[in-house]
Amino acid sequence: MSKAKRIQEIVDYYGMSYNSFAISIGMLNGTSIKRIVDDNRNPQNQTLNKISSAYPEINMHWINTGEGTMIKGDKIKLDEDDLTLTAQQIYCKLDEDSAMYKDMLSNKLRDDRDYYDNDSRHSKDIRMILEGFKTLESKVEDYAVQASSSVIEKITNAMEQQTKLQDMLIDGLTKIKHLETDLEDIKVYMATNFELDKMNKKKSKQIKKLNPR
């Protein structure tokens, strides 16, 4: 039997999952333990030392060589007393694990409270970030209003310029019409004077004929 299989026996012995067993020996999760078992790898000395520290009743010589029993002092042949002793050990271990997990949960809750406490640096950083977003949002709104006002002002000015241009065109057309009327009047006046002048000249000639000197 390989060391990996003996690690599996230890996990099964305590009735734990890979994750709970790994946490109980000081690891973050059960990924490494599961990989050792699934890939039939030899555990590193660091992992073995963690197991020995967390479970001093485990026979490390048994893990390394397979010789002897898993639990120190256990007999190969179990009788009723051995079974009772083993059950008591399991109950004791469960109580220890329960206390350990309660401490871990308490520490976790305390860390979370410290992390998100109103006076903590993290909370102040979060508040500063939120205030920064609010300030940015306000600036964006101001810029949007200013841009809208600028666009409206430009459109208004353009419309005013267009109106002025239309007025100028209308005024120019009116003046042109007046000039055309004045030109017609001048033509009529000149034509009338021309005809009168012709009549006066003709009349003058007739008078001279009637009154020769």
N, C-alpha and C. Protein backbone atom coordinates (compact mmCIF):
# COMPACT_ATOMS: atom_id res chain seq x y z
N MET A 1 0.86 -1.20 0.00
CA MET A 1 0.00 0.00 0.00
C MET A 1 0.89 1.25 0.00
N SER A 2 0.57 2.21 -0.85
CA SER A 2 1.37 3.43 -0.98
C SER A 2 1.06 4.42 0.14
N LYS A 3 1.92 5.43 0.26
CA LYS A 3 1.69 6.49 1.25
C LYS A 3 0.38 7.22 0.97
N ALA A 4 0.07 7.41 -0.34
CA ALA A 4 -1.17 8.09 -0.71
C ALA A 4 -2.38 7.33 -0.20
N LYS A 5 -2.35 6.00 -0.32
CA LYS A 5 -3.46 5.19 0.16
C LYS A 5 -3.57 5.27 1.68
N ARG A 6 -2.42 5.34 2.35
CA ARG A 6 -2.45 5.44 3.82
C ARG A 6 -3.00 6.80 4.26
N ILE A 7 -2.71 7.85 3.47
CA ILE A 7 -3.32 9.17 3.74
C ILE A 7 -4.84 9.07 3.61
N GLN A 8 -5.28 8.35 2.56
CA GLN A 8 -6.71 8.15 2.37
C GLN A 8 -7.33 7.43 3.56
N GLU A 9 -6.62 6.44 4.11
CA GLU A 9 -7.12 5.71 5.28
C GLU A 9 -7.28 6.63 6.48
N ILE A 10 -6.34 7.57 6.65
CA ILE A 10 -6.42 8.51 7.77
C ILE A 10 -7.65 9.40 7.62
N VAL A 11 -7.88 9.90 6.41
CA VAL A 11 -9.05 10.75 6.16
C VAL A 11 -10.33 9.97 6.44
N ASP A 12 -10.38 8.73 5.95
CA ASP A 12 -11.56 7.89 6.18
C ASP A 12 -11.73 7.55 7.66
N TYR A 13 -10.61 7.37 8.33
CA TYR A 13 -10.65 7.00 9.75
C TYR A 13 -11.37 8.07 10.58
N TYR A 14 -11.10 9.32 10.25
CA TYR A 14 -11.73 10.41 11.00
C TYR A 14 -13.07 10.85 10.39
N GLY A 15 -13.44 10.20 9.29
CA GLY A 15 -14.73 10.52 8.69
C GLY A 15 -14.82 11.93 8.13
N MET A 16 -13.73 12.40 7.60
CA MET A 16 -13.68 13.78 7.09
C MET A 16 -13.65 13.80 5.57
N SER A 17 -13.96 14.95 5.02
CA SER A 17 -13.73 15.19 3.60
C SER A 17 -12.29 15.65 3.42
N TYR A 18 -11.82 15.67 2.18
CA TYR A 18 -10.46 16.16 1.93
C TYR A 18 -10.31 17.59 2.42
N ASN A 19 -11.33 18.39 2.19
CA ASN A 19 -11.26 19.81 2.54
C ASN A 19 -11.20 20.00 4.06
N SER A 20 -12.09 19.29 4.79
CA SER A 20 -12.10 19.47 6.25
C SER A 20 -10.82 18.92 6.87
N PHE A 21 -10.30 17.84 6.32
CA PHE A 21 -9.05 17.28 6.85
C PHE A 21 -7.90 18.24 6.60
N ALA A 22 -7.84 18.80 5.38
CA ALA A 22 -6.76 19.74 5.05
C ALA A 22 -6.81 20.96 5.95
N ILE A 23 -8.00 21.48 6.20
CA ILE A 23 -8.13 22.65 7.07
C ILE A 23 -7.71 22.31 8.49
N SER A 24 -8.02 21.08 8.92
CA SER A 24 -7.69 20.69 10.30
C SER A 24 -6.19 20.60 10.53
N ILE A 25 -5.40 20.39 9.45
CA ILE A 25 -3.94 20.32 9.62
C ILE A 25 -3.27 21.64 9.23
N GLY A 26 -4.09 22.67 8.92
CA GLY A 26 -3.53 24.00 8.67
C GLY A 26 -3.39 24.38 7.23
N MET A 27 -4.01 23.62 6.31
CA MET A 27 -3.99 23.99 4.90
C MET A 27 -5.21 24.84 4.57
N LEU A 28 -5.15 25.52 3.42
CA LEU A 28 -6.26 26.39 3.03
C LEU A 28 -7.45 25.60 2.52
N ASN A 29 -7.19 24.52 1.77
CA ASN A 29 -8.26 23.69 1.22
C ASN A 29 -7.73 22.30 0.96
N GLY A 30 -8.63 21.41 0.49
CA GLY A 30 -8.26 20.02 0.31
C GLY A 30 -7.71 19.65 -1.05
N THR A 31 -7.37 20.65 -1.86
CA THR A 31 -6.89 20.35 -3.22
C THR A 31 -5.63 19.49 -3.21
N SER A 32 -4.65 19.88 -2.36
CA SER A 32 -3.38 19.14 -2.33
C SER A 32 -3.57 17.72 -1.85
N ILE A 33 -4.39 17.52 -0.80
CA ILE A 33 -4.63 16.17 -0.27
C ILE A 33 -5.32 15.31 -1.32
N LYS A 34 -6.32 15.87 -1.99
CA LYS A 34 -7.04 15.11 -3.03
C LYS A 34 -6.11 14.74 -4.17
N ARG A 35 -5.21 15.64 -4.53
CA ARG A 35 -4.28 15.36 -5.63
C ARG A 35 -3.31 14.25 -5.24
N ILE A 36 -2.88 14.24 -3.98
CA ILE A 36 -1.99 13.18 -3.51
C ILE A 36 -2.66 11.82 -3.65
N VAL A 37 -3.94 11.76 -3.22
CA VAL A 37 -4.66 10.49 -3.24
C VAL A 37 -5.02 10.08 -4.68
N ASP A 38 -5.57 11.01 -5.46
CA ASP A 38 -6.02 10.68 -6.81
C ASP A 38 -4.86 10.29 -7.72
N ASP A 39 -3.74 11.02 -7.60
CA ASP A 39 -2.59 10.75 -8.47
C ASP A 39 -1.60 9.77 -7.86
N ASN A 40 -1.93 9.26 -6.64
CA ASN A 40 -1.06 8.30 -5.94
C ASN A 40 0.35 8.86 -5.77
N ARG A 41 0.41 10.11 -5.32
CA ARG A 41 1.70 10.78 -5.12
C ARG A 41 2.21 10.55 -3.70
N ASN A 42 3.51 10.70 -3.55
CA ASN A 42 4.09 10.69 -2.21
C ASN A 42 3.92 12.08 -1.60
N PRO A 43 3.37 12.17 -0.39
CA PRO A 43 3.21 13.49 0.24
C PRO A 43 4.54 14.10 0.60
N GLN A 44 4.62 15.40 0.55
CA GLN A 44 5.84 16.09 0.94
C GLN A 44 6.03 16.03 2.45
N ASN A 45 7.28 16.20 2.87
CA ASN A 45 7.58 16.16 4.31
C ASN A 45 6.80 17.24 5.06
N GLN A 46 6.58 18.38 4.40
CA GLN A 46 5.83 19.46 5.04
C GLN A 46 4.41 19.02 5.36
N THR A 47 3.81 18.29 4.42
CA THR A 47 2.44 17.77 4.64
C THR A 47 2.43 16.74 5.76
N LEU A 48 3.43 15.85 5.77
CA LEU A 48 3.51 14.83 6.83
C LEU A 48 3.71 15.48 8.20
N ASN A 49 4.51 16.54 8.26
CA ASN A 49 4.74 17.23 9.53
C ASN A 49 3.45 17.89 10.03
N LYS A 50 2.65 18.40 9.09
CA LYS A 50 1.38 19.00 9.49
C LYS A 50 0.44 17.95 10.08
N ILE A 51 0.42 16.76 9.44
CA ILE A 51 -0.42 15.68 9.96
C ILE A 51 0.04 15.25 11.34
N SER A 52 1.35 15.13 11.50
CA SER A 52 1.90 14.71 12.80
C SER A 52 1.59 15.71 13.89
N SER A 53 1.64 17.01 13.55
CA SER A 53 1.36 18.05 14.55
C SER A 53 -0.11 18.09 14.92
N ALA A 54 -0.98 17.92 13.91
CA ALA A 54 -2.42 18.00 14.17
C ALA A 54 -2.95 16.71 14.80
N TYR A 55 -2.33 15.59 14.45
CA TYR A 55 -2.80 14.29 14.94
C TYR A 55 -1.62 13.51 15.52
N PRO A 56 -1.22 13.86 16.72
CA PRO A 56 -0.05 13.17 17.32
C PRO A 56 -0.27 11.68 17.55
N GLU A 57 -1.53 11.25 17.55
CA GLU A 57 -1.79 9.82 17.75
C GLU A 57 -1.51 8.98 16.51
N ILE A 58 -1.34 9.67 15.34
CA ILE A 58 -1.05 8.94 14.12
C ILE A 58 0.40 8.44 14.15
N ASN A 59 0.59 7.21 13.76
CA ASN A 59 1.90 6.58 13.72
C ASN A 59 2.59 6.96 12.42
N MET A 60 3.55 7.88 12.48
CA MET A 60 4.23 8.35 11.28
C MET A 60 5.08 7.25 10.65
N HIS A 61 5.58 6.34 11.46
CA HIS A 61 6.34 5.21 10.91
C HIS A 61 5.42 4.36 10.02
N TRP A 62 4.17 4.24 10.42
CA TRP A 62 3.21 3.49 9.60
C TRP A 62 2.95 4.20 8.28
N ILE A 63 2.84 5.55 8.33
CA ILE A 63 2.61 6.30 7.09
C ILE A 63 3.78 6.11 6.13
N ASN A 64 5.00 6.18 6.66
CA ASN A 64 6.19 6.13 5.80
C ASN A 64 6.51 4.72 5.30
N THR A 65 6.26 3.70 6.13
CA THR A 65 6.69 2.35 5.76
C THR A 65 5.54 1.37 5.60
N GLY A 66 4.40 1.68 6.22
CA GLY A 66 3.30 0.73 6.20
C GLY A 66 3.40 -0.31 7.30
N GLU A 67 4.43 -0.21 8.13
CA GLU A 67 4.63 -1.18 9.21
C GLU A 67 3.93 -0.70 10.48
N GLY A 68 3.36 -1.64 11.22
CA GLY A 68 2.69 -1.30 12.45
C GLY A 68 1.24 -0.92 12.20
N THR A 69 0.69 -0.11 13.11
CA THR A 69 -0.70 0.31 13.01
C THR A 69 -0.78 1.80 12.79
N MET A 70 -1.92 2.24 12.29
CA MET A 70 -2.12 3.66 12.01
C MET A 70 -2.10 4.49 13.29
N ILE A 71 -2.78 4.00 14.34
CA ILE A 71 -2.82 4.70 15.61
C ILE A 71 -1.74 4.13 16.53
N LYS A 72 -0.99 5.01 17.14
CA LYS A 72 0.08 4.57 18.03
C LYS A 72 -0.49 3.71 19.17
N GLY A 73 0.16 2.60 19.47
CA GLY A 73 -0.23 1.76 20.58
C GLY A 73 -1.36 0.81 20.25
N ASP A 74 -1.96 0.91 19.07
CA ASP A 74 -3.03 -0.02 18.70
C ASP A 74 -2.46 -1.40 18.44
N LYS A 75 -3.29 -2.42 18.72
CA LYS A 75 -2.90 -3.80 18.42
C LYS A 75 -3.46 -4.16 17.05
N ILE A 76 -2.74 -5.09 16.43
CA ILE A 76 -3.20 -5.55 15.12
C ILE A 76 -4.55 -6.26 15.27
N LYS A 77 -4.68 -7.08 16.30
CA LYS A 77 -5.90 -7.82 16.53
C LYS A 77 -6.76 -7.03 17.49
N LEU A 78 -7.94 -6.69 17.09
CA LEU A 78 -8.82 -5.87 17.90
C LEU A 78 -9.76 -6.76 18.69
N ASP A 79 -9.91 -6.44 19.96
CA ASP A 79 -10.94 -7.09 20.75
C ASP A 79 -11.95 -6.03 21.17
N GLU A 80 -12.89 -6.37 22.04
CA GLU A 80 -13.97 -5.45 22.43
C GLU A 80 -13.42 -4.21 23.09
N ASP A 81 -12.40 -4.36 23.94
CA ASP A 81 -11.80 -3.19 24.61
C ASP A 81 -11.14 -2.27 23.61
N ASP A 82 -10.48 -2.87 22.63
CA ASP A 82 -9.84 -2.05 21.59
C ASP A 82 -10.87 -1.23 20.82
N LEU A 83 -12.01 -1.85 20.48
CA LEU A 83 -13.06 -1.15 19.75
C LEU A 83 -13.63 -0.02 20.59
N THR A 84 -13.81 -0.27 21.89
CA THR A 84 -14.32 0.79 22.76
C THR A 84 -13.35 1.94 22.85
N LEU A 85 -12.07 1.60 22.98
CA LEU A 85 -11.06 2.63 23.05
C LEU A 85 -11.01 3.45 21.76
N THR A 86 -11.15 2.75 20.64
CA THR A 86 -11.14 3.45 19.35
C THR A 86 -12.33 4.39 19.23
N ALA A 87 -13.50 3.95 19.66
CA ALA A 87 -14.69 4.80 19.63
C ALA A 87 -14.50 6.02 20.51
N GLN A 88 -13.93 5.81 21.70
CA GLN A 88 -13.68 6.95 22.60
C GLN A 88 -12.72 7.94 21.96
N GLN A 89 -11.70 7.42 21.27
CA GLN A 89 -10.75 8.30 20.60
C GLN A 89 -11.45 9.13 19.51
N ILE A 90 -12.36 8.46 18.80
CA ILE A 90 -13.08 9.18 17.74
C ILE A 90 -13.95 10.28 18.33
N TYR A 91 -14.65 9.95 19.43
CA TYR A 91 -15.49 10.97 20.08
C TYR A 91 -14.64 12.14 20.58
N CYS A 92 -13.49 11.82 21.14
CA CYS A 92 -12.60 12.88 21.62
C CYS A 92 -12.12 13.75 20.45
N LYS A 93 -11.78 13.05 19.37
CA LYS A 93 -11.32 13.80 18.20
C LYS A 93 -12.42 14.67 17.62
N LEU A 94 -13.65 14.17 17.60
CA LEU A 94 -14.77 14.96 17.12
C LEU A 94 -14.98 16.19 17.98
N ASP A 95 -14.85 16.00 19.29
CA ASP A 95 -14.99 17.15 20.20
C ASP A 95 -13.89 18.17 19.94
N GLU A 96 -12.66 17.67 19.71
CA GLU A 96 -11.55 18.59 19.42
C GLU A 96 -11.81 19.33 18.11
N ASP A 97 -12.26 18.58 17.09
CA ASP A 97 -12.54 19.22 15.80
C ASP A 97 -13.66 20.24 15.94
N SER A 98 -14.68 19.91 16.70
CA SER A 98 -15.78 20.84 16.90
C SER A 98 -15.29 22.13 17.53
N ALA A 99 -14.47 21.98 18.56
CA ALA A 99 -13.93 23.18 19.22
C ALA A 99 -13.04 23.97 18.27
N MET A 100 -12.25 23.24 17.47
CA MET A 100 -11.36 23.91 16.53
C MET A 100 -12.15 24.71 15.49
N TYR A 101 -13.20 24.08 14.95
CA TYR A 101 -14.00 24.77 13.94
C TYR A 101 -14.76 25.95 14.54
N LYS A 102 -15.18 25.81 15.80
CA LYS A 102 -15.83 26.94 16.46
C LYS A 102 -14.87 28.11 16.60
N ASP A 103 -13.62 27.79 16.98
CA ASP A 103 -12.61 28.85 17.08
C ASP A 103 -12.34 29.48 15.72
N MET A 104 -12.25 28.62 14.69
CA MET A 104 -12.00 29.15 13.34
C MET A 104 -13.13 30.07 12.90
N LEU A 105 -14.38 29.66 13.17
CA LEU A 105 -15.53 30.48 12.80
C LEU A 105 -15.54 31.78 13.57
N SER A 106 -15.22 31.70 14.86
CA SER A 106 -15.19 32.90 15.69
C SER A 106 -14.12 33.87 15.19
N ASN A 107 -12.94 33.33 14.85
CA ASN A 107 -11.86 34.18 14.33
C ASN A 107 -12.24 34.80 12.99
N LYS A 108 -12.91 33.99 12.17
CA LYS A 108 -13.33 34.50 10.87
C LYS A 108 -14.32 35.64 11.02
N LEU A 109 -15.29 35.45 11.92
CA LEU A 109 -16.28 36.50 12.15
C LEU A 109 -15.62 37.75 12.70
N ARG A 110 -14.66 37.54 13.60
CA ARG A 110 -13.96 38.69 14.17
C ARG A 110 -13.16 39.42 13.10
N ASP A 111 -12.48 38.64 12.24
CA ASP A 111 -11.71 39.27 11.16
C ASP A 111 -12.62 40.06 10.24
N ASP A 112 -13.79 39.46 9.92
CA ASP A 112 -14.73 40.16 9.04
C ASP A 112 -15.23 41.44 9.69
N ARG A 113 -15.51 41.37 11.00
CA ARG A 113 -15.97 42.58 11.70
C ARG A 113 -14.89 43.64 11.68
N ASP A 114 -13.64 43.21 11.91
CA ASP A 114 -12.53 44.16 11.90
C ASP A 114 -12.34 44.74 10.50
N TYR A 115 -12.54 43.87 9.50
CA TYR A 115 -12.30 44.30 8.12
C TYR A 115 -13.32 45.34 7.69
N TYR A 116 -14.56 45.12 8.08
CA TYR A 116 -15.62 46.03 7.64
C TYR A 116 -16.08 46.97 8.73
N ASP A 117 -15.33 47.07 9.81
CA ASP A 117 -15.68 47.98 10.88
C ASP A 117 -15.63 49.42 10.37
N ASN A 118 -16.50 50.28 10.93
CA ASN A 118 -16.60 51.65 10.42
C ASN A 118 -15.29 52.42 10.57
N ASP A 119 -14.49 52.03 11.57
CA ASP A 119 -13.25 52.77 11.81
C ASP A 119 -12.05 52.13 11.12
N SER A 120 -12.24 51.04 10.39
CA SER A 120 -11.12 50.36 9.78
C SER A 120 -10.66 51.10 8.53
N ARG A 121 -9.41 50.85 8.17
CA ARG A 121 -8.85 51.50 6.98
C ARG A 121 -9.58 51.05 5.73
N HIS A 122 -9.97 49.76 5.68
CA HIS A 122 -10.66 49.23 4.50
C HIS A 122 -12.00 49.94 4.29
N SER A 123 -12.74 50.14 5.39
CA SER A 123 -14.03 50.82 5.27
C SER A 123 -13.84 52.26 4.82
N LYS A 124 -12.78 52.91 5.34
CA LYS A 124 -12.52 54.28 4.92
C LYS A 124 -12.17 54.32 3.44
N ASP A 125 -11.37 53.34 3.00
CA ASP A 125 -11.03 53.29 1.58
C ASP A 125 -12.28 53.10 0.72
N ILE A 126 -13.17 52.21 1.18
CA ILE A 126 -14.41 51.96 0.44
C ILE A 126 -15.25 53.23 0.38
N ARG A 127 -15.35 53.94 1.54
CA ARG A 127 -16.13 55.19 1.55
C ARG A 127 -15.52 56.23 0.62
N MET A 128 -14.19 56.30 0.61
CA MET A 128 -13.52 57.26 -0.28
C MET A 128 -13.81 56.93 -1.74
N ILE A 129 -13.79 55.63 -2.07
CA ILE A 129 -14.08 55.23 -3.45
C ILE A 129 -15.50 55.60 -3.83
N LEU A 130 -16.46 55.33 -2.90
CA LEU A 130 -17.86 55.66 -3.17
C LEU A 130 -18.03 57.17 -3.33
N GLU A 131 -17.37 57.95 -2.47
CA GLU A 131 -17.46 59.41 -2.58
C GLU A 131 -16.86 59.87 -3.91
N GLY A 132 -15.76 59.21 -4.31
CA GLY A 132 -15.15 59.56 -5.60
C GLY A 132 -16.10 59.31 -6.76
N PHE A 133 -16.83 58.18 -6.71
CA PHE A 133 -17.80 57.89 -7.76
C PHE A 133 -18.92 58.92 -7.77
N LYS A 134 -19.38 59.33 -6.56
CA LYS A 134 -20.44 60.34 -6.48
C LYS A 134 -19.97 61.66 -7.08
N THR A 135 -18.72 62.05 -6.74
CA THR A 135 -18.16 63.30 -7.28
C THR A 135 -18.05 63.22 -8.80
N LEU A 136 -17.57 62.08 -9.29
CA LEU A 136 -17.45 61.90 -10.74
C LEU A 136 -18.80 61.97 -11.42
N GLU A 137 -19.81 61.34 -10.79
CA GLU A 137 -21.16 61.37 -11.35
C GLU A 137 -21.69 62.79 -11.42
N SER A 138 -21.43 63.57 -10.35
CA SER A 138 -21.88 64.97 -10.32
C SER A 138 -21.20 65.78 -11.41
N LYS A 139 -19.88 65.54 -11.59
CA LYS A 139 -19.15 66.27 -12.63
C LYS A 139 -19.68 65.92 -14.02
N VAL A 140 -19.97 64.65 -14.24
CA VAL A 140 -20.50 64.23 -15.53
C VAL A 140 -21.84 64.91 -15.81
N GLU A 141 -22.70 65.00 -14.77
CA GLU A 141 -23.98 65.68 -14.93
C GLU A 141 -23.78 67.15 -15.26
N ASP A 142 -22.82 67.80 -14.54
CA ASP A 142 -22.54 69.22 -14.81
C ASP A 142 -22.06 69.41 -16.24
N TYR A 143 -21.13 68.53 -16.68
CA TYR A 143 -20.61 68.64 -18.04
C TYR A 143 -21.73 68.45 -19.06
N ALA A 144 -22.64 67.52 -18.78
CA ALA A 144 -23.75 67.27 -19.69
C ALA A 144 -24.65 68.49 -19.80
N VAL A 145 -24.93 69.13 -18.66
CA VAL A 145 -25.77 70.33 -18.66
C VAL A 145 -25.09 71.46 -19.42
N GLN A 146 -23.77 71.63 -19.14
CA GLN A 146 -23.03 72.69 -19.83
C GLN A 146 -23.00 72.45 -21.34
N ALA A 147 -22.76 71.18 -21.71
CA ALA A 147 -22.72 70.87 -23.14
C ALA A 147 -24.07 71.12 -23.79
N SER A 148 -25.14 70.73 -23.11
CA SER A 148 -26.48 70.95 -23.65
C SER A 148 -26.75 72.43 -23.79
N SER A 149 -26.39 73.22 -22.76
CA SER A 149 -26.60 74.67 -22.81
C SER A 149 -25.82 75.29 -23.96
N SER A 150 -24.57 74.80 -24.14
CA SER A 150 -23.74 75.34 -25.22
C SER A 150 -24.34 75.02 -26.58
N VAL A 151 -24.82 73.80 -26.75
CA VAL A 151 -25.42 73.40 -28.03
C VAL A 151 -26.68 74.21 -28.29
N ILE A 152 -27.52 74.36 -27.25
CA ILE A 152 -28.76 75.13 -27.41
C ILE A 152 -28.44 76.58 -27.76
N GLU A 153 -27.41 77.15 -27.10
CA GLU A 153 -27.02 78.53 -27.38
C GLU A 153 -26.56 78.69 -28.82
N LYS A 154 -25.76 77.70 -29.29
CA LYS A 154 -25.27 77.77 -30.67
C LYS A 154 -26.41 77.65 -31.67
N ILE A 155 -27.35 76.75 -31.38
CA ILE A 155 -28.51 76.60 -32.27
C ILE A 155 -29.34 77.88 -32.30
N THR A 156 -29.53 78.49 -31.11
CA THR A 156 -30.30 79.73 -31.02
C THR A 156 -29.62 80.85 -31.81
N ASN A 157 -28.28 80.95 -31.65
CA ASN A 157 -27.54 81.99 -32.39
C ASN A 157 -27.64 81.76 -33.89
N ALA A 158 -27.55 80.49 -34.29
CA ALA A 158 -27.64 80.18 -35.72
C ALA A 158 -29.02 80.55 -36.27
N MET A 159 -30.06 80.28 -35.48
CA MET A 159 -31.42 80.62 -35.91
C MET A 159 -31.58 82.13 -36.00
N GLU A 160 -30.99 82.85 -35.03
CA GLU A 160 -31.07 84.31 -35.07
C GLU A 160 -30.35 84.86 -36.30
N GLN A 161 -29.16 84.28 -36.58
CA GLN A 161 -28.42 84.72 -37.76
C GLN A 161 -29.21 84.43 -39.04
N GLN A 162 -29.85 83.28 -39.06
CA GLN A 162 -30.66 82.92 -40.24
C GLN A 162 -31.83 83.89 -40.40
N THR A 163 -32.46 84.25 -39.28
CA THR A 163 -33.57 85.20 -39.33
C THR A 163 -33.10 86.56 -39.84
N LYS A 164 -31.92 87.01 -39.32
CA LYS A 164 -31.37 88.29 -39.77
C LYS A 164 -31.07 88.25 -41.26
N LEU A 165 -30.52 87.13 -41.72
CA LEU A 165 -30.19 87.00 -43.14
C LEU A 165 -31.45 87.04 -43.99
N GLN A 166 -32.49 86.35 -43.51
CA GLN A 166 -33.76 86.38 -44.25
C GLN A 166 -34.32 87.79 -44.31
N ASP A 167 -34.25 88.52 -43.17
CA ASP A 167 -34.72 89.92 -43.15
C ASP A 167 -33.94 90.77 -44.15
N MET A 168 -32.61 90.54 -44.18
CA MET A 168 -31.78 91.31 -45.11
C MET A 168 -32.15 91.01 -46.55
N LEU A 169 -32.40 89.74 -46.84
CA LEU A 169 -32.78 89.36 -48.21
C LEU A 169 -34.11 89.99 -48.60
N ILE A 170 -35.06 89.92 -47.67
CA ILE A 170 -36.38 90.52 -47.94
C ILE A 170 -36.25 92.02 -48.17
N ASP A 171 -35.43 92.67 -47.33
CA ASP A 171 -35.22 94.11 -47.47
C ASP A 171 -34.56 94.43 -48.81
N GLY A 172 -33.57 93.57 -49.20
CA GLY A 172 -32.90 93.79 -50.48
C GLY A 172 -33.86 93.64 -51.65
N LEU A 173 -34.74 92.61 -51.59
CA LEU A 173 -35.72 92.41 -52.66
C LEU A 173 -36.68 93.59 -52.74
N THR A 174 -37.06 94.09 -51.56
CA THR A 174 -37.98 95.24 -51.53
C THR A 174 -37.34 96.45 -52.20
N LYS A 175 -36.05 96.67 -51.87
CA LYS A 175 -35.35 97.81 -52.48
C LYS A 175 -35.21 97.64 -53.98
N ILE A 176 -34.95 96.41 -54.40
CA ILE A 176 -34.83 96.15 -55.84
C ILE A 176 -36.16 96.44 -56.55
N LYS A 177 -37.25 96.04 -55.92
CA LYS A 177 -38.57 96.32 -56.51
C LYS A 177 -38.82 97.82 -56.59
N HIS A 178 -38.41 98.52 -55.53
CA HIS A 178 -38.56 99.98 -55.55
C HIS A 178 -37.73 100.58 -56.65
N LEU A 179 -36.52 100.10 -56.85
CA LEU A 179 -35.67 100.62 -57.92
C LEU A 179 -36.30 100.37 -59.28
N GLU A 180 -36.85 99.15 -59.43
CA GLU A 180 -37.50 98.84 -60.70
C GLU A 180 -38.65 99.80 -60.96
N THR A 181 -39.42 100.08 -59.90
CA THR A 181 -40.55 101.03 -60.05
C THR A 181 -40.03 102.42 -60.40
N ASP A 182 -38.96 102.83 -59.71
CA ASP A 182 -38.37 104.15 -59.98
C ASP A 182 -37.86 104.22 -61.41
N LEU A 183 -37.23 103.12 -61.88
CA LEU A 183 -36.73 103.12 -63.26
C LEU A 183 -37.86 103.26 -64.27
N GLU A 184 -38.97 102.58 -64.01
CA GLU A 184 -40.12 102.68 -64.90
C GLU A 184 -40.65 104.12 -64.93
N ASP A 185 -40.71 104.69 -63.70
CA ASP A 185 -41.18 106.09 -63.63
C ASP A 185 -40.25 107.01 -64.41
N ILE A 186 -38.95 106.77 -64.28
CA ILE A 186 -37.97 107.60 -64.99
C ILE A 186 -38.13 107.43 -66.50
N LYS A 187 -38.33 106.18 -66.93
CA LYS A 187 -38.52 105.92 -68.36
C LYS A 187 -39.76 106.66 -68.88
N VAL A 188 -40.84 106.56 -68.09
CA VAL A 188 -42.08 107.24 -68.51
C VAL A 188 -41.87 108.74 -68.56
N TYR A 189 -41.16 109.25 -67.53
CA TYR A 189 -40.91 110.70 -67.47
C TYR A 189 -40.07 111.14 -68.65
N MET A 190 -39.01 110.36 -68.94
CA MET A 190 -38.12 110.72 -70.04
C MET A 190 -38.86 110.61 -71.38
N ALA A 191 -39.67 109.56 -71.49
CA ALA A 191 -40.42 109.41 -72.76
C ALA A 191 -41.41 110.55 -72.93
N THR A 192 -42.07 110.93 -71.84
CA THR A 192 -43.04 112.03 -71.92
C THR A 192 -42.35 113.33 -72.27
N ASN A 193 -41.22 113.59 -71.61
CA ASN A 193 -40.48 114.82 -71.90
C ASN A 193 -39.95 114.83 -73.33
N PHE A 194 -39.53 113.64 -73.77
CA PHE A 194 -39.03 113.56 -75.15
C PHE A 194 -40.14 113.91 -76.15
N GLU A 195 -41.33 113.35 -75.90
CA GLU A 195 -42.46 113.63 -76.78
C GLU A 195 -42.84 115.12 -76.71
N LEU A 196 -42.85 115.67 -75.50
CA LEU A 196 -43.16 117.08 -75.35
C LEU A 196 -42.14 117.96 -76.06
N ASP A 197 -40.89 117.54 -75.93
CA ASP A 197 -39.82 118.31 -76.58
C ASP A 197 -40.00 118.29 -78.10
N LYS A 198 -40.36 117.11 -78.61
CA LYS A 198 -40.60 116.98 -80.05
C LYS A 198 -41.77 117.87 -80.47
N MET A 199 -42.81 117.84 -79.64
CA MET A 199 -43.99 118.65 -79.96
C MET A 199 -43.63 120.13 -79.92
N ASN A 200 -42.85 120.53 -78.94
CA ASN A 200 -42.46 121.94 -78.82
C ASN A 200 -41.61 122.37 -80.00
N LYS A 201 -40.70 121.48 -80.43
CA LYS A 201 -39.85 121.81 -81.57
C LYS A 201 -40.70 121.94 -82.83
N LYS A 202 -41.64 121.03 -83.01
CA LYS A 202 -42.51 121.05 -84.18
C LYS A 202 -43.37 122.32 -84.19
N LYS A 203 -43.85 122.63 -83.00
CA LYS A 203 -44.68 123.83 -82.87
C LYS A 203 -43.87 125.09 -83.16
N SER A 204 -42.63 125.07 -82.70
CA SER A 204 -41.76 126.22 -82.93
C SER A 204 -41.50 126.42 -84.42
N LYS A 205 -41.32 125.33 -85.14
CA LYS A 205 -41.09 125.41 -86.57
C LYS A 205 -42.32 125.96 -87.30
N GLN A 206 -43.45 125.53 -86.84
CA GLN A 206 -44.68 126.00 -87.46
C GLN A 206 -44.84 127.51 -87.23
N ILE A 207 -44.52 127.94 -86.05
CA ILE A 207 -44.63 129.38 -85.75
C ILE A 207 -43.69 130.18 -86.60
N LYS A 208 -42.49 129.67 -86.79
CA LYS A 208 -41.54 130.39 -87.62
C LYS A 208 -42.05 130.48 -89.08
N LYS A 209 -42.66 129.46 -89.56
CA LYS A 209 -43.19 129.48 -90.91
C LYS A 209 -44.31 130.52 -91.04
N LEU A 210 -45.11 130.63 -90.04
CA LEU A 210 -46.22 131.58 -90.07
C LEU A 210 -45.75 133.02 -89.88
N ASN A 211 -44.72 133.22 -89.18
CA ASN A 211 -44.20 134.54 -88.87
C ASN A 211 -42.74 134.66 -89.32
N PRO A 212 -42.49 134.65 -90.61
CA PRO A 212 -41.10 134.80 -91.07
C PRO A 212 -40.63 136.24 -90.83
N ARG A 213 -39.44 136.45 -90.71
CA ARG A 213 -38.87 137.80 -90.49
C ARG A 213 -38.22 138.29 -91.77
